[in-house]
Each structure stands twice: as C-alpha cells, then as structure tokens.
Amino acid sequence: MSRADAAAAKLIWISKGSHKSRRDLRQIYRNSSAPDCQRIRDLAQQLQLERLLVEVLVESDEVS
C-alpha cells in the first residue's frame, strides 16, 4: 500500500470518528515526499474529504 493509499484510508476512518487516525495521517503526510503529498491531496479531493484533510493537517499533535 502506498503512502497516499494509507492516507486515504486514514481520512475515511477519520470521517467516521477515529481520533487516532488523525495523528497517524499527520505523520504520514509529514514524512511523505512532495509528489506523495500531492497524491494525498488528489485522493482527498476524489473522496470529497479535502476540507477534512486540511482540518487534520493544521491540528497540533500535543495531547491536552
């Protein structure tokens, strides 16, 4: 499974309420190459989850 596919799967889980997947997605995205990040954004758009992707990426990893 590619990083982009893993990120897309995490986005789907997040849309269903998974909080752990939010952190996982940020880590996948941060550790991805520029082409992989673009593919993640493209997949998010195809899944109509691009707003959720942006929301998750701006969140902090700190636990309150």
PDB file of N, CA and C in Angstrom:
ATOM      1  N   MET A   1       0.851  -1.166   0.000  1.00  0.00           N
ATOM      2  CA  MET A   1       0.000   0.000   0.000  1.00  0.00           C
ATOM      3  C   MET A   1       0.903   1.237   0.000  1.00  0.00           C
ATOM      4  N   SER A   2       0.599   2.183  -0.854  1.00  0.00           N
ATOM      5  CA  SER A   2       1.382   3.417  -0.930  1.00  0.00           C
ATOM      6  C   SER A   2       1.029   4.346   0.231  1.00  0.00           C
ATOM      7  N   ARG A   3       1.881   5.336   0.455  1.00  0.00           N
ATOM      8  CA  ARG A   3       1.593   6.334   1.499  1.00  0.00           C
ATOM      9  C   ARG A   3       0.272   7.045   1.194  1.00  0.00           C
ATOM     10  N   ALA A   4       0.051   7.358  -0.069  1.00  0.00           N
ATOM     11  CA  ALA A   4      -1.183   8.050  -0.447  1.00  0.00           C
ATOM     12  C   ALA A   4      -2.401   7.181  -0.159  1.00  0.00           C
ATOM     13  N   ASP A   5      -2.310   5.897  -0.464  1.00  0.00           N
ATOM     14  CA  ASP A   5      -3.425   4.987  -0.180  1.00  0.00           C
ATOM     15  C   ASP A   5      -3.657   4.864   1.322  1.00  0.00           C
ATOM     16  N   ALA A   6      -2.568   4.790   2.095  1.00  0.00           N
ATOM     17  CA  ALA A   6      -2.692   4.715   3.556  1.00  0.00           C
ATOM     18  C   ALA A   6      -3.333   5.990   4.094  1.00  0.00           C
ATOM     19  N   ALA A   7      -2.928   7.129   3.554  1.00  0.00           N
ATOM     20  CA  ALA A   7      -3.502   8.401   3.983  1.00  0.00           C
ATOM     21  C   ALA A   7      -4.986   8.468   3.641  1.00  0.00           C
ATOM     22  N   ALA A   8      -5.360   7.995   2.461  1.00  0.00           N
ATOM     23  CA  ALA A   8      -6.771   7.990   2.067  1.00  0.00           C
ATOM     24  C   ALA A   8      -7.582   7.110   3.010  1.00  0.00           C
ATOM     25  N   ALA A   9      -7.033   5.959   3.371  1.00  0.00           N
ATOM     26  CA  ALA A   9      -7.724   5.067   4.309  1.00  0.00           C
ATOM     27  C   ALA A   9      -7.893   5.759   5.660  1.00  0.00           C
ATOM     28  N   LYS A  10      -6.859   6.463   6.112  1.00  0.00           N
ATOM     29  CA  LYS A  10      -6.944   7.194   7.387  1.00  0.00           C
ATOM     30  C   LYS A  10      -8.016   8.276   7.303  1.00  0.00           C
ATOM     31  N   LEU A  11      -8.095   8.984   6.180  1.00  0.00           N
ATOM     32  CA  LEU A  11      -9.123  10.015   6.019  1.00  0.00           C
ATOM     33  C   LEU A  11     -10.521   9.427   6.148  1.00  0.00           C
ATOM     34  N   ILE A  12     -10.711   8.270   5.564  1.00  0.00           N
ATOM     35  CA  ILE A  12     -12.022   7.617   5.656  1.00  0.00           C
ATOM     36  C   ILE A  12     -12.327   7.267   7.106  1.00  0.00           C
ATOM     37  N   TRP A  13     -11.335   6.704   7.822  1.00  0.00           N
ATOM     38  CA  TRP A  13     -11.533   6.378   9.246  1.00  0.00           C
ATOM     39  C   TRP A  13     -11.825   7.639  10.054  1.00  0.00           C
ATOM     40  N   ILE A  14     -11.111   8.721   9.765  1.00  0.00           N
ATOM     41  CA  ILE A  14     -11.329   9.982  10.476  1.00  0.00           C
ATOM     42  C   ILE A  14     -12.748  10.472  10.241  1.00  0.00           C
ATOM     43  N   SER A  15     -13.226  10.360   9.014  1.00  0.00           N
ATOM     44  CA  SER A  15     -14.583  10.821   8.699  1.00  0.00           C
ATOM     45  C   SER A  15     -15.627  10.028   9.471  1.00  0.00           C
ATOM     46  N   LYS A  16     -15.233   8.843   9.946  1.00  0.00           N
ATOM     47  CA  LYS A  16     -16.135   8.003  10.736  1.00  0.00           C
ATOM     48  C   LYS A  16     -15.895   8.164  12.238  1.00  0.00           C
ATOM     49  N   GLY A  17     -14.961   9.083  12.611  1.00  0.00           N
ATOM     50  CA  GLY A  17     -14.779   9.412  14.018  1.00  0.00           C
ATOM     51  C   GLY A  17     -13.514   8.920  14.691  1.00  0.00           C
ATOM     52  N   SER A  18     -12.563   8.373  13.961  1.00  0.00           N
ATOM     53  CA  SER A  18     -11.331   7.861  14.571  1.00  0.00           C
ATOM     54  C   SER A  18     -10.362   8.996  14.888  1.00  0.00           C
ATOM     55  N   HIS A  19     -10.076   9.196  16.180  1.00  0.00           N
ATOM     56  CA  HIS A  19      -9.143  10.252  16.580  1.00  0.00           C
ATOM     57  C   HIS A  19      -7.691   9.818  16.426  1.00  0.00           C
ATOM     58  N   LYS A  20      -7.382   8.552  16.640  1.00  0.00           N
ATOM     59  CA  LYS A  20      -6.011   8.060  16.474  1.00  0.00           C
ATOM     60  C   LYS A  20      -5.570   8.241  15.022  1.00  0.00           C
ATOM     61  N   SER A  21      -6.467   8.035  14.099  1.00  0.00           N
ATOM     62  CA  SER A  21      -6.135   8.171  12.680  1.00  0.00           C
ATOM     63  C   SER A  21      -5.747   9.596  12.320  1.00  0.00           C
ATOM     64  N   ARG A  22      -6.233  10.575  13.075  1.00  0.00           N
ATOM     65  CA  ARG A  22      -5.879  11.971  12.807  1.00  0.00           C
ATOM     66  C   ARG A  22      -4.375  12.164  12.976  1.00  0.00           C
ATOM     67  N   ARG A  23      -3.827  11.668  14.088  1.00  0.00           N
ATOM     68  CA  ARG A  23      -2.388  11.780  14.339  1.00  0.00           C
ATOM     69  C   ARG A  23      -1.608  10.975  13.304  1.00  0.00           C
ATOM     70  N   ASP A  24      -2.091   9.771  13.017  1.00  0.00           N
ATOM     71  CA  ASP A  24      -1.422   8.917  12.031  1.00  0.00           C
ATOM     72  C   ASP A  24      -1.337   9.613  10.676  1.00  0.00           C
ATOM     73  N   LEU A  25      -2.423  10.240  10.267  1.00  0.00           N
ATOM     74  CA  LEU A  25      -2.449  10.926   8.973  1.00  0.00           C
ATOM     75  C   LEU A  25      -1.433  12.066   8.936  1.00  0.00           C
ATOM     76  N   ARG A  26      -1.368  12.847  10.020  1.00  0.00           N
ATOM     77  CA  ARG A  26      -0.382  13.937  10.061  1.00  0.00           C
ATOM     78  C   ARG A  26       1.032  13.388   9.923  1.00  0.00           C
ATOM     79  N   GLN A  27       1.323  12.279  10.577  1.00  0.00           N
ATOM     80  CA  GLN A  27       2.655  11.677  10.493  1.00  0.00           C
ATOM     81  C   GLN A  27       2.943  11.168   9.082  1.00  0.00           C
ATOM     82  N   ILE A  28       1.977  10.516   8.472  1.00  0.00           N
ATOM     83  CA  ILE A  28       2.154  10.034   7.097  1.00  0.00           C
ATOM     84  C   ILE A  28       2.446  11.215   6.173  1.00  0.00           C
ATOM     85  N   TYR A  29       1.641  12.266   6.303  1.00  0.00           N
ATOM     86  CA  TYR A  29       1.788  13.423   5.420  1.00  0.00           C
ATOM     87  C   TYR A  29       3.143  14.095   5.614  1.00  0.00           C
ATOM     88  N   ARG A  30       3.538  14.304   6.877  1.00  0.00           N
ATOM     89  CA  ARG A  30       4.820  14.952   7.178  1.00  0.00           C
ATOM     90  C   ARG A  30       6.011  14.177   6.641  1.00  0.00           C
ATOM     91  N   ASN A  31       5.900  12.857   6.612  1.00  0.00           N
ATOM     92  CA  ASN A  31       7.010  12.008   6.180  1.00  0.00           C
ATOM     93  C   ASN A  31       6.937  11.637   4.700  1.00  0.00           C
ATOM     94  N   SER A  32       6.058  12.293   3.968  1.00  0.00           N
ATOM     95  CA  SER A  32       5.877  11.992   2.544  1.00  0.00           C
ATOM     96  C   SER A  32       6.649  12.977   1.674  1.00  0.00           C
ATOM     97  N   SER A  33       7.016  12.506   0.495  1.00  0.00           N
ATOM     98  CA  SER A  33       7.667  13.372  -0.491  1.00  0.00           C
ATOM     99  C   SER A  33       6.627  14.334  -1.070  1.00  0.00           C
ATOM    100  N   ALA A  34       7.090  15.353  -1.750  1.00  0.00           N
ATOM    101  CA  ALA A  34       6.174  16.313  -2.379  1.00  0.00           C
ATOM    102  C   ALA A  34       5.194  15.628  -3.339  1.00  0.00           C
ATOM    103  N   PRO A  35       5.658  14.700  -4.197  1.00  0.00           N
ATOM    104  CA  PRO A  35       4.697  14.013  -5.073  1.00  0.00           C
ATOM    105  C   PRO A  35       3.672  13.181  -4.286  1.00  0.00           C
ATOM    106  N   ASP A  36       4.107  12.551  -3.195  1.00  0.00           N
ATOM    107  CA  ASP A  36       3.164  11.781  -2.372  1.00  0.00           C
ATOM    108  C   ASP A  36       2.145  12.705  -1.711  1.00  0.00           C
ATOM    109  N   CYS A  37       2.596  13.867  -1.236  1.00  0.00           N
ATOM    110  CA  CYS A  37       1.669  14.828  -0.628  1.00  0.00           C
ATOM    111  C   CYS A  37       0.627  15.280  -1.648  1.00  0.00           C
ATOM    112  N   GLN A  38       1.056  15.507  -2.881  1.00  0.00           N
ATOM    113  CA  GLN A  38       0.110  15.900  -3.927  1.00  0.00           C
ATOM    114  C   GLN A  38      -0.892  14.781  -4.184  1.00  0.00           C
ATOM    115  N   ARG A  39      -0.417  13.550  -4.220  1.00  0.00           N
ATOM    116  CA  ARG A  39      -1.307  12.398  -4.436  1.00  0.00           C
ATOM    117  C   ARG A  39      -2.310  12.284  -3.288  1.00  0.00           C
ATOM    118  N   ILE A  40      -1.860  12.539  -2.061  1.00  0.00           N
ATOM    119  CA  ILE A  40      -2.765  12.517  -0.905  1.00  0.00           C
ATOM    120  C   ILE A  40      -3.845  13.579  -1.082  1.00  0.00           C
ATOM    121  N   ARG A  41      -3.444  14.791  -1.477  1.00  0.00           N
ATOM    122  CA  ARG A  41      -4.427  15.858  -1.698  1.00  0.00           C
ATOM    123  C   ARG A  41      -5.392  15.492  -2.823  1.00  0.00           C
ATOM    124  N   ASP A  42      -4.868  14.884  -3.891  1.00  0.00           N
ATOM    125  CA  ASP A  42      -5.725  14.462  -5.005  1.00  0.00           C
ATOM    126  C   ASP A  42      -6.737  13.411  -4.557  1.00  0.00           C
ATOM    127  N   LEU A  43      -6.283  12.438  -3.776  1.00  0.00           N
ATOM    128  CA  LEU A  43      -7.193  11.397  -3.287  1.00  0.00           C
ATOM    129  C   LEU A  43      -8.242  11.988  -2.350  1.00  0.00           C
ATOM    130  N   ALA A  44      -7.827  12.922  -1.496  1.00  0.00           N
ATOM    131  CA  ALA A  44      -8.783  13.577  -0.598  1.00  0.00           C
ATOM    132  C   ALA A  44      -9.865  14.284  -1.408  1.00  0.00           C
ATOM    133  N   GLN A  45      -9.459  14.926  -2.493  1.00  0.00           N
ATOM    134  CA  GLN A  45     -10.427  15.604  -3.352  1.00  0.00           C
ATOM    135  C   GLN A  45     -11.386  14.592  -3.985  1.00  0.00           C
ATOM    136  N   GLN A  46     -10.850  13.486  -4.486  1.00  0.00           N
ATOM    137  CA  GLN A  46     -11.689  12.450  -5.098  1.00  0.00           C
ATOM    138  C   GLN A  46     -12.692  11.882  -4.094  1.00  0.00           C
ATOM    139  N   LEU A  47     -12.271  11.783  -2.834  1.00  0.00           N
ATOM    140  CA  LEU A  47     -13.137  11.243  -1.781  1.00  0.00           C
ATOM    141  C   LEU A  47     -14.050  12.309  -1.179  1.00  0.00           C
ATOM    142  N   GLN A  48     -13.924  13.541  -1.672  1.00  0.00           N
ATOM    143  CA  GLN A  48     -14.663  14.690  -1.150  1.00  0.00           C
ATOM    144  C   GLN A  48     -14.368  14.894   0.336  1.00  0.00           C
ATOM    145  N   LEU A  49     -13.088  14.697   0.693  1.00  0.00           N
ATOM    146  CA  LEU A  49     -12.641  14.858   2.075  1.00  0.00           C
ATOM    147  C   LEU A  49     -11.493  15.865   2.174  1.00  0.00           C
ATOM    148  N   GLU A  50     -11.372  16.744   1.183  1.00  0.00           N
ATOM    149  CA  GLU A  50     -10.253  17.685   1.195  1.00  0.00           C
ATOM    150  C   GLU A  50     -10.350  18.679   2.348  1.00  0.00           C
ATOM    151  N   ARG A  51     -11.542  19.107   2.710  1.00  0.00           N
ATOM    152  CA  ARG A  51     -11.707  20.022   3.851  1.00  0.00           C
ATOM    153  C   ARG A  51     -11.256  19.337   5.140  1.00  0.00           C
ATOM    154  N   LEU A  52     -11.605  18.060   5.288  1.00  0.00           N
ATOM    155  CA  LEU A  52     -11.189  17.293   6.461  1.00  0.00           C
ATOM    156  C   LEU A  52      -9.671  17.140   6.495  1.00  0.00           C
ATOM    157  N   LEU A  53      -9.055  16.899   5.348  1.00  0.00           N
ATOM    158  CA  LEU A  53      -7.597  16.783   5.281  1.00  0.00           C
ATOM    159  C   LEU A  53      -6.943  18.060   5.805  1.00  0.00           C
ATOM    160  N   VAL A  54      -7.391  19.201   5.327  1.00  0.00           N
ATOM    161  CA  VAL A  54      -6.823  20.480   5.761  1.00  0.00           C
ATOM    162  C   VAL A  54      -7.019  20.656   7.264  1.00  0.00           C
ATOM    163  N   GLU A  55      -8.208  20.343   7.753  1.00  0.00           N
ATOM    164  CA  GLU A  55      -8.511  20.459   9.183  1.00  0.00           C
ATOM    165  C   GLU A  55      -7.544  19.618  10.018  1.00  0.00           C
ATOM    166  N   VAL A  56      -7.330  18.387   9.602  1.00  0.00           N
ATOM    167  CA  VAL A  56      -6.459  17.476  10.346  1.00  0.00           C
ATOM    168  C   VAL A  56      -5.009  17.944  10.290  1.00  0.00           C
ATOM    169  N   LEU A  57      -4.566  18.411   9.142  1.00  0.00           N
ATOM    170  CA  LEU A  57      -3.163  18.802   8.990  1.00  0.00           C
ATOM    171  C   LEU A  57      -2.786  20.019   9.827  1.00  0.00           C
ATOM    172  N   VAL A  58      -3.735  20.882  10.145  1.00  0.00           N
ATOM    173  CA  VAL A  58      -3.412  22.070  10.946  1.00  0.00           C
ATOM    174  C   VAL A  58      -3.517  21.814  12.447  1.00  0.00           C
ATOM    175  N   GLU A  59      -4.038  20.661  12.845  1.00  0.00           N
ATOM    176  CA  GLU A  59      -4.148  20.327  14.267  1.00  0.00           C
ATOM    177  C   GLU A  59      -2.771  20.072  14.873  1.00  0.00           C
ATOM    178  N   SER A  60      -2.691  20.301  16.163  1.00  0.00           N
ATOM    179  CA  SER A  60      -1.463  20.028  16.914  1.00  0.00           C
ATOM    180  C   SER A  60      -1.428  18.563  17.321  1.00  0.00           C
ATOM    181  N   ASP A  61      -0.226  18.020  17.443  1.00  0.00           N
ATOM    182  CA  ASP A  61      -0.067  16.647  17.923  1.00  0.00           C
ATOM    183  C   ASP A  61      -0.063  16.574  19.446  1.00  0.00           C
ATOM    184  N   GLU A  62      -0.043  17.718  20.110  1.00  0.00           N
ATOM    185  CA  GLU A  62       0.004  17.738  21.572  1.00  0.00           C
ATOM    186  C   GLU A  62      -1.296  17.219  22.154  1.00  0.00           C
ATOM    187  N   VAL A  63      -1.151  16.451  23.229  1.00  0.00           N
ATOM    188  CA  VAL A  63      -2.316  15.924  23.934  1.00  0.00           C
ATOM    189  C   VAL A  63      -2.642  16.870  25.073  1.00  0.00           C
ATOM    190  N   SER A  64      -3.905  17.247  25.183  1.00  0.00           N
ATOM    191  CA  SER A  64      -4.320  18.184  26.241  1.00  0.00           C
ATOM    192  C   SER A  64      -4.439  17.490  27.568  1.00  0.00           C
TER     193      SER A  64
END
